[in-house]
């Protein structure tokens, strides 16, 4: 039986770990693309964190005329998730009751892929992770950067009827809690390193050489 001091220590550890447990909520399931930055898994809608894609009904202008850039953005996200296992890690919920999340299809960061393809803009007030990707897409005139377009937020303001609506709840997405390590030092301290792709706790951000193994042992120089 734990002493009073032991109980206090255990409670303190739980309180410290609780935020990490909340951050580590991961959803999986069959998935399809609603638009260029929204997925549905089960009965839940997931909004990709840190980016804003052109809306499904939005059009852009090119020298050749009107371009259905929003439909193409939707098709691009659909192709990225097609046939791949998708995991979404919740960040928050937005006003439309969508789960705002970082989502990966296999090893592909979907937010990064959409910005890199030129179908979404980075949202630096939410995340600075995709600013460089936007700059490269813009410099390369990829996607919408080869056209004249309204920022998605401006387009929605001008088309209030196109605002997202909460998805009807059907079969809920499967949520599970995975260990969350802020960095490799924390993973090593927990005795979890190395972490292989697909194992709980693996994150691409900790896999510096993209070989599917995060937090590998340090290699000695010869």
Protein backbone atom coordinates (compact mmCIF):
# COMPACT_ATOMS: atom_id res chain seq x y z
CA UNK A 1 0.00 0.00 0.00
CA UNK A 2 1.36 3.40 -1.01
CA UNK A 3 2.24 5.85 1.72
CA UNK A 4 0.78 9.36 1.66
CA UNK A 5 4.07 10.70 0.31
CA UNK A 6 4.09 8.01 -2.38
CA UNK A 7 0.53 8.84 -3.41
CA UNK A 8 1.45 12.52 -3.70
CA UNK A 9 4.44 11.65 -5.88
CA UNK A 10 2.31 9.42 -8.13
CA UNK A 11 -0.35 12.13 -8.48
CA UNK A 12 2.29 14.72 -9.36
CA UNK A 13 3.69 12.47 -12.08
CA UNK A 14 0.22 11.94 -13.54
CA UNK A 15 -0.47 15.67 -13.59
CA UNK A 16 2.82 16.32 -15.37
CA UNK A 17 2.16 13.65 -17.98
CA UNK A 18 -1.50 14.55 -18.58
CA UNK A 19 -0.90 17.31 -21.20
CA UNK A 20 1.29 14.96 -23.22
CA UNK A 21 -1.40 12.28 -23.09
CA UNK A 22 -3.97 14.74 -24.39
CA UNK A 23 -1.65 15.80 -27.22
CA UNK A 24 -1.03 12.18 -28.12
CA UNK A 25 -4.63 11.36 -29.11
CA UNK A 26 -4.45 9.71 -32.52
CA UNK A 27 -7.32 8.83 -34.85
CA UNK A 28 -7.29 6.15 -37.54
CA UNK A 29 -9.86 4.66 -39.86
CA UNK A 30 -11.16 4.64 -43.43
CA UNK A 31 -10.73 8.13 -44.83
CA UNK A 32 -11.77 10.30 -47.77
CA UNK A 33 -11.16 13.90 -48.74
CA UNK A 34 -13.96 16.46 -48.30
CA UNK A 35 -11.92 19.30 -49.80
CA UNK A 36 -8.30 20.38 -50.05
CA UNK A 37 -7.71 20.55 -46.29
CA UNK A 38 -10.52 18.48 -44.76
CA UNK A 39 -10.78 14.72 -44.28
CA UNK A 40 -13.49 12.52 -42.87
CA UNK A 41 -12.66 9.48 -40.76
CA UNK A 42 -15.71 7.59 -39.63
CA UNK A 43 -18.19 10.28 -38.59
CA UNK A 44 -15.62 12.94 -37.73
CA UNK A 45 -14.28 15.78 -39.86
CA UNK A 46 -10.55 16.56 -39.62
CA UNK A 47 -9.14 19.96 -40.60
CA UNK A 48 -5.44 19.87 -41.51
CA UNK A 49 -3.45 21.95 -39.03
CA UNK A 50 -1.39 24.95 -40.09
CA UNK A 51 -2.69 25.42 -43.63
CA UNK A 52 -5.67 26.78 -45.59
CA UNK A 53 -6.47 25.24 -48.98
CA UNK A 54 -8.58 26.80 -51.71
CA UNK A 55 -12.22 25.81 -51.18
CA UNK A 56 -13.80 23.04 -53.26
CA UNK A 57 -16.07 25.47 -55.14
CA UNK A 58 -13.40 28.14 -55.49
CA UNK A 59 -12.04 29.11 -58.89
CA UNK A 60 -8.79 30.80 -59.92
CA UNK A 61 -7.91 32.81 -63.01
CA UNK A 62 -5.17 31.92 -65.49
CA UNK A 63 -4.25 33.36 -68.87
CA UNK A 64 -6.30 30.52 -70.37
CA UNK A 65 -9.40 31.49 -68.36
CA UNK A 66 -11.24 30.19 -65.29
CA UNK A 67 -9.58 27.25 -63.54
CA UNK A 68 -11.42 25.04 -61.03
CA UNK A 69 -8.50 25.16 -58.60
CA UNK A 70 -10.63 24.12 -55.62
CA UNK A 71 -11.77 20.91 -57.29
CA UNK A 72 -8.19 20.12 -58.23
CA UNK A 73 -7.04 20.73 -54.64
CA UNK A 74 -9.68 18.25 -53.43
CA UNK A 75 -8.57 15.69 -56.01
CA UNK A 76 -4.94 16.13 -54.95
CA UNK A 77 -5.69 15.43 -51.28
CA UNK A 78 -7.86 12.46 -52.28
CA UNK A 79 -4.96 11.01 -54.28
CA UNK A 80 -2.57 11.49 -51.35
CA UNK A 81 -4.73 9.43 -48.97
CA UNK A 82 -5.88 6.83 -51.49
CA UNK A 83 -4.76 3.39 -50.40
CA UNK A 84 -2.53 4.67 -47.61
CA UNK A 85 -2.95 4.26 -43.84
CA UNK A 86 -3.86 7.65 -42.35
CA UNK A 87 -3.25 8.83 -38.79
CA UNK A 88 -4.42 12.17 -37.42
CA UNK A 89 -3.07 13.61 -34.18
CA UNK A 90 -5.52 16.08 -32.62
CA UNK A 91 -4.42 19.64 -31.87
CA UNK A 92 -7.82 21.21 -31.08
CA UNK A 93 -11.40 21.55 -32.34
CA UNK A 94 -12.55 24.47 -34.45
CA UNK A 95 -15.87 26.36 -34.43
CA UNK A 96 -17.33 23.93 -36.96
CA UNK A 97 -16.69 21.02 -34.55
CA UNK A 98 -13.94 19.68 -36.80
CA UNK A 99 -10.90 18.11 -35.21
CA UNK A 100 -7.88 20.22 -36.14
CA UNK A 101 -5.03 17.76 -36.52
CA UNK A 102 -1.67 16.97 -38.05
CA UNK A 103 -2.34 14.06 -40.39
CA UNK A 104 0.02 11.65 -42.09
CA UNK A 105 -0.70 9.23 -44.93
CA UNK A 106 2.05 6.73 -44.36
CA UNK A 107 5.11 8.99 -44.01
CA UNK A 108 3.55 11.92 -45.90
CA UNK A 109 2.67 15.01 -43.86
CA UNK A 110 -0.57 15.95 -45.63
CA UNK A 111 -0.42 19.63 -44.67
CA UNK A 112 3.10 19.90 -46.05
CA UNK A 113 2.18 18.00 -49.22
CA UNK A 114 -0.76 20.31 -50.00
CA UNK A 115 1.30 23.46 -49.47
CA UNK A 116 4.22 22.03 -51.44
CA UNK A 117 1.88 21.18 -54.35
CA UNK A 118 0.65 24.78 -54.37
CA UNK A 119 -2.95 24.17 -53.36
CA UNK A 120 -2.83 25.64 -49.86
CA UNK A 121 -1.28 28.59 -48.07
CA UNK A 122 0.57 28.37 -44.77
CA UNK A 123 -1.03 29.83 -41.64
CA UNK A 124 1.96 31.14 -39.66
CA UNK A 125 -0.26 32.37 -36.80
CA UNK A 126 -1.11 28.70 -36.12
CA UNK A 127 2.13 27.00 -37.17
CA UNK A 128 5.43 28.05 -38.75
CA UNK A 129 6.08 24.52 -40.03
CA UNK A 130 4.99 25.17 -43.60
CA UNK A 131 6.26 28.70 -44.31
CA UNK A 132 9.31 27.49 -46.23
CA UNK A 133 7.18 25.04 -48.25
CA UNK A 134 4.88 27.89 -49.29
CA UNK A 135 7.85 30.01 -50.34
CA UNK A 136 9.18 27.19 -52.54
CA UNK A 137 5.77 26.56 -54.12
CA UNK A 138 5.36 30.28 -54.82
CA UNK A 139 8.87 30.57 -56.30
CA UNK A 140 8.17 27.57 -58.51
CA UNK A 141 4.74 28.88 -59.61
CA UNK A 142 3.14 25.62 -58.53
CA UNK A 143 -0.64 25.22 -58.28
CA UNK A 144 -2.48 28.41 -57.36
CA UNK A 145 0.77 30.40 -57.50
CA UNK A 146 0.58 30.13 -61.30
CA UNK A 147 -2.80 31.91 -61.24
CA UNK A 148 -4.64 34.88 -59.81
CA UNK A 149 -6.65 33.84 -56.77
CA UNK A 150 -8.32 35.03 -53.59
CA UNK A 151 -6.92 33.80 -50.33
CA UNK A 152 -9.25 31.04 -49.10
CA UNK A 153 -10.31 33.10 -46.06
CA UNK A 154 -11.21 36.06 -48.31
CA UNK A 155 -13.13 33.78 -50.68
CA UNK A 156 -15.14 32.32 -47.77
CA UNK A 157 -15.93 35.82 -46.49
CA UNK A 158 -17.33 36.68 -49.92
CA UNK A 159 -19.26 33.39 -50.12
CA UNK A 160 -20.81 32.84 -46.65
CA UNK A 161 -23.10 30.11 -47.98
CA UNK A 162 -20.01 28.01 -48.67
CA UNK A 163 -18.98 27.93 -44.98
CA UNK A 164 -18.32 24.40 -43.66
CA UNK A 165 -21.08 22.68 -41.72
CA UNK A 166 -20.60 20.15 -38.94
CA UNK A 167 -20.60 16.62 -40.28
CA UNK A 168 -23.46 14.33 -39.22
CA UNK A 169 -22.16 11.96 -36.58
CA UNK A 170 -22.09 8.37 -37.75
CA UNK A 171 -19.56 5.74 -36.75
CA UNK A 172 -16.96 7.57 -34.66
CA UNK A 173 -13.32 7.54 -35.57
CA UNK A 174 -11.11 5.20 -33.59
CA UNK A 175 -9.12 7.09 -31.01
CA UNK A 176 -6.15 5.69 -29.18
CA UNK A 177 -3.46 7.08 -26.97
CA UNK A 178 0.11 6.67 -28.10
CA UNK A 179 3.20 7.61 -26.12
CA UNK A 180 4.31 11.11 -27.05
CA UNK A 181 7.96 12.12 -26.82
CA UNK A 182 8.92 15.73 -27.34
CA UNK A 183 12.31 14.75 -28.73
CA UNK A 184 14.77 11.87 -28.93
CA UNK A 185 16.32 12.69 -25.57
CA UNK A 186 12.94 12.10 -23.94
CA UNK A 187 12.41 8.88 -25.94
CA UNK A 188 15.84 7.60 -24.92
CA UNK A 189 15.23 8.49 -21.27
CA UNK A 190 12.02 6.44 -21.42
CA UNK A 191 13.93 3.48 -22.88
CA UNK A 192 11.82 3.60 -26.05
CA UNK A 193 14.55 4.38 -28.62
CA UNK A 194 15.05 3.48 -31.37
CA UNK A 195 11.44 3.82 -32.59
CA UNK A 196 10.53 2.22 -35.92
CA UNK A 197 7.93 3.63 -38.31
CA UNK A 198 4.50 2.30 -37.32
CA UNK A 199 5.44 1.82 -33.68
CA UNK A 200 3.76 3.93 -30.97
CA UNK A 201 5.65 7.16 -30.39
CA UNK A 202 7.24 7.36 -33.85
CA UNK A 203 7.10 10.81 -35.44
CA UNK A 204 8.73 11.82 -38.74
CA UNK A 205 10.13 14.91 -37.01
CA UNK A 206 12.42 12.65 -34.97
CA UNK A 207 13.59 10.65 -38.00
CA UNK A 208 16.34 12.94 -39.26
CA UNK A 209 17.52 10.76 -42.15
CA UNK A 210 14.00 9.57 -43.14
CA UNK A 211 14.97 5.91 -43.01
CA UNK A 212 11.93 4.86 -40.96
CA UNK A 213 13.90 4.67 -37.70
CA UNK A 214 13.61 7.53 -35.22
CA UNK A 215 16.14 8.22 -32.48
CA UNK A 216 18.76 5.80 -33.71
CA UNK A 217 21.83 5.19 -31.55
CA UNK A 218 24.61 7.72 -32.00
CA UNK A 219 27.17 6.55 -34.54
CA UNK A 220 30.78 6.77 -33.48
CA UNK A 221 33.13 8.55 -35.81
CA UNK A 222 35.97 6.40 -37.10
